[in-house]
Amino acid sequence: MRSHGDWGPEAALFVTVRARVTDHFLRRLEERGGNPDQLVLEGDRLEAAGWLRAIHDRGFNLVVPGFGQVRLRVDGQGRGLIAVTFLPLFDA
């Protein structure tokens, strides 16, 4: 999962992710109409299940069914994932 090349541009895994949230993520969540009550938040960490896909080196997109997309990046010190922004899912 280190890079796009390791598992292809369209490959995705259904996972449960635990990530530290940033203030930027919380602002984007609120601005874009996301409901934080749909996520499990414990202090500065969230836990969510969904489809994880690599989007660029050290970056991932987590699509949480019925909620939205959480953009993740790998912590610079390799200690885990950080939730950096939120994009809502829109009904087609």
Protein backbone atom coordinates (compact mmCIF):
# COMPACT_ATOMS: atom_id res chain seq x y z
CA MET A 1 0.00 0.00 0.00
CA ARG A 2 2.99 2.32 -0.10
CA SER A 3 2.22 3.67 -3.55
CA HIS A 4 -0.19 3.55 -6.45
CA GLY A 5 2.10 1.16 -8.29
CA ASP A 6 1.95 -1.50 -5.59
CA TRP A 7 -1.70 -2.36 -6.21
CA GLY A 8 -2.98 -0.43 -9.22
CA PRO A 9 -5.00 2.75 -9.65
CA GLU A 10 -8.45 1.18 -9.29
CA ALA A 11 -7.73 -1.41 -6.58
CA ALA A 12 -9.50 -0.94 -3.28
CA LEU A 13 -9.70 -2.83 -0.01
CA PHE A 14 -12.62 -2.80 2.42
CA VAL A 15 -11.03 -1.89 5.75
CA THR A 16 -11.67 -0.39 9.15
CA VAL A 17 -9.37 2.58 9.62
CA ARG A 18 -8.38 4.44 12.75
CA ALA A 19 -6.83 7.84 12.03
CA ARG A 20 -5.89 11.02 13.83
CA VAL A 21 -8.05 13.96 12.71
CA THR A 22 -6.75 17.43 11.92
CA ASP A 23 -8.50 20.74 12.62
CA HIS A 24 -8.66 21.16 8.83
CA PHE A 25 -10.59 17.88 8.56
CA LEU A 26 -13.10 18.97 11.20
CA ARG A 27 -13.62 22.35 9.47
CA ARG A 28 -14.14 20.69 6.08
CA LEU A 29 -16.52 18.18 7.62
CA GLU A 30 -18.67 20.98 9.03
CA GLU A 31 -18.43 23.22 5.93
CA ARG A 32 -19.39 20.42 3.56
CA GLY A 33 -22.39 19.18 5.52
CA GLY A 34 -20.94 16.01 6.98
CA ASN A 35 -22.48 14.71 10.17
CA PRO A 36 -19.78 13.93 12.73
CA ASP A 37 -22.31 11.80 14.63
CA GLN A 38 -21.98 9.23 11.82
CA LEU A 39 -18.30 8.72 12.66
CA VAL A 40 -16.86 7.12 15.76
CA LEU A 41 -14.65 9.82 17.27
CA GLU A 42 -12.50 9.18 20.33
CA GLY A 43 -10.59 12.31 21.26
CA ASP A 44 -8.52 13.27 18.21
CA ARG A 45 -9.04 9.90 16.44
CA LEU A 46 -11.76 8.56 14.20
CA GLU A 47 -12.65 5.03 13.28
CA ALA A 48 -14.52 4.29 10.07
CA ALA A 49 -15.08 1.35 7.74
CA GLY A 50 -15.05 1.71 3.98
CA TRP A 51 -13.21 1.24 0.69
CA LEU A 52 -9.58 2.36 0.91
CA ARG A 53 -7.80 3.32 -2.32
CA ALA A 54 -4.32 4.76 -2.86
CA ILE A 55 -4.49 8.14 -4.60
CA HIS A 56 -0.82 9.18 -4.54
CA ASP A 57 2.35 8.42 -2.64
CA ARG A 58 1.44 8.30 1.08
CA GLY A 59 -2.13 9.43 0.31
CA PHE A 60 -5.38 7.47 0.43
CA ASN A 61 -9.08 7.96 -0.17
CA LEU A 62 -11.49 6.17 2.19
CA VAL A 63 -15.05 5.96 0.87
CA VAL A 64 -17.37 5.41 3.84
CA PRO A 65 -20.73 4.11 2.54
CA GLY A 66 -23.59 6.50 3.28
CA PHE A 67 -21.24 9.16 4.65
CA GLY A 68 -18.59 10.46 2.30
CA GLN A 69 -14.95 10.36 1.38
CA VAL A 70 -12.19 10.85 3.91
CA ARG A 71 -8.80 11.81 2.50
CA LEU A 72 -5.99 10.23 4.50
CA ARG A 73 -2.23 10.59 4.50
CA VAL A 74 0.48 8.60 6.21
CA ASP A 75 1.99 10.33 9.21
CA GLY A 76 5.42 11.70 8.28
CA GLN A 77 6.99 9.68 11.09
CA GLY A 78 5.23 6.49 10.06
CA ARG A 79 3.04 6.33 13.15
CA GLY A 80 -0.25 5.79 11.32
CA LEU A 81 -2.86 7.62 9.27
CA ILE A 82 -4.11 11.20 9.50
CA ALA A 83 -7.56 12.30 8.25
CA VAL A 84 -6.95 15.57 6.42
CA THR A 85 -10.15 16.44 4.55
CA PHE A 86 -13.72 15.35 3.85
CA LEU A 87 -15.84 15.20 0.69
CA PRO A 88 -19.55 14.38 0.96
CA LEU A 89 -21.24 11.70 -1.11
CA PHE A 90 -23.94 13.08 -3.37
CA ASP A 91 -27.01 11.14 -4.46
CA ALA A 92 -27.11 10.78 -8.23
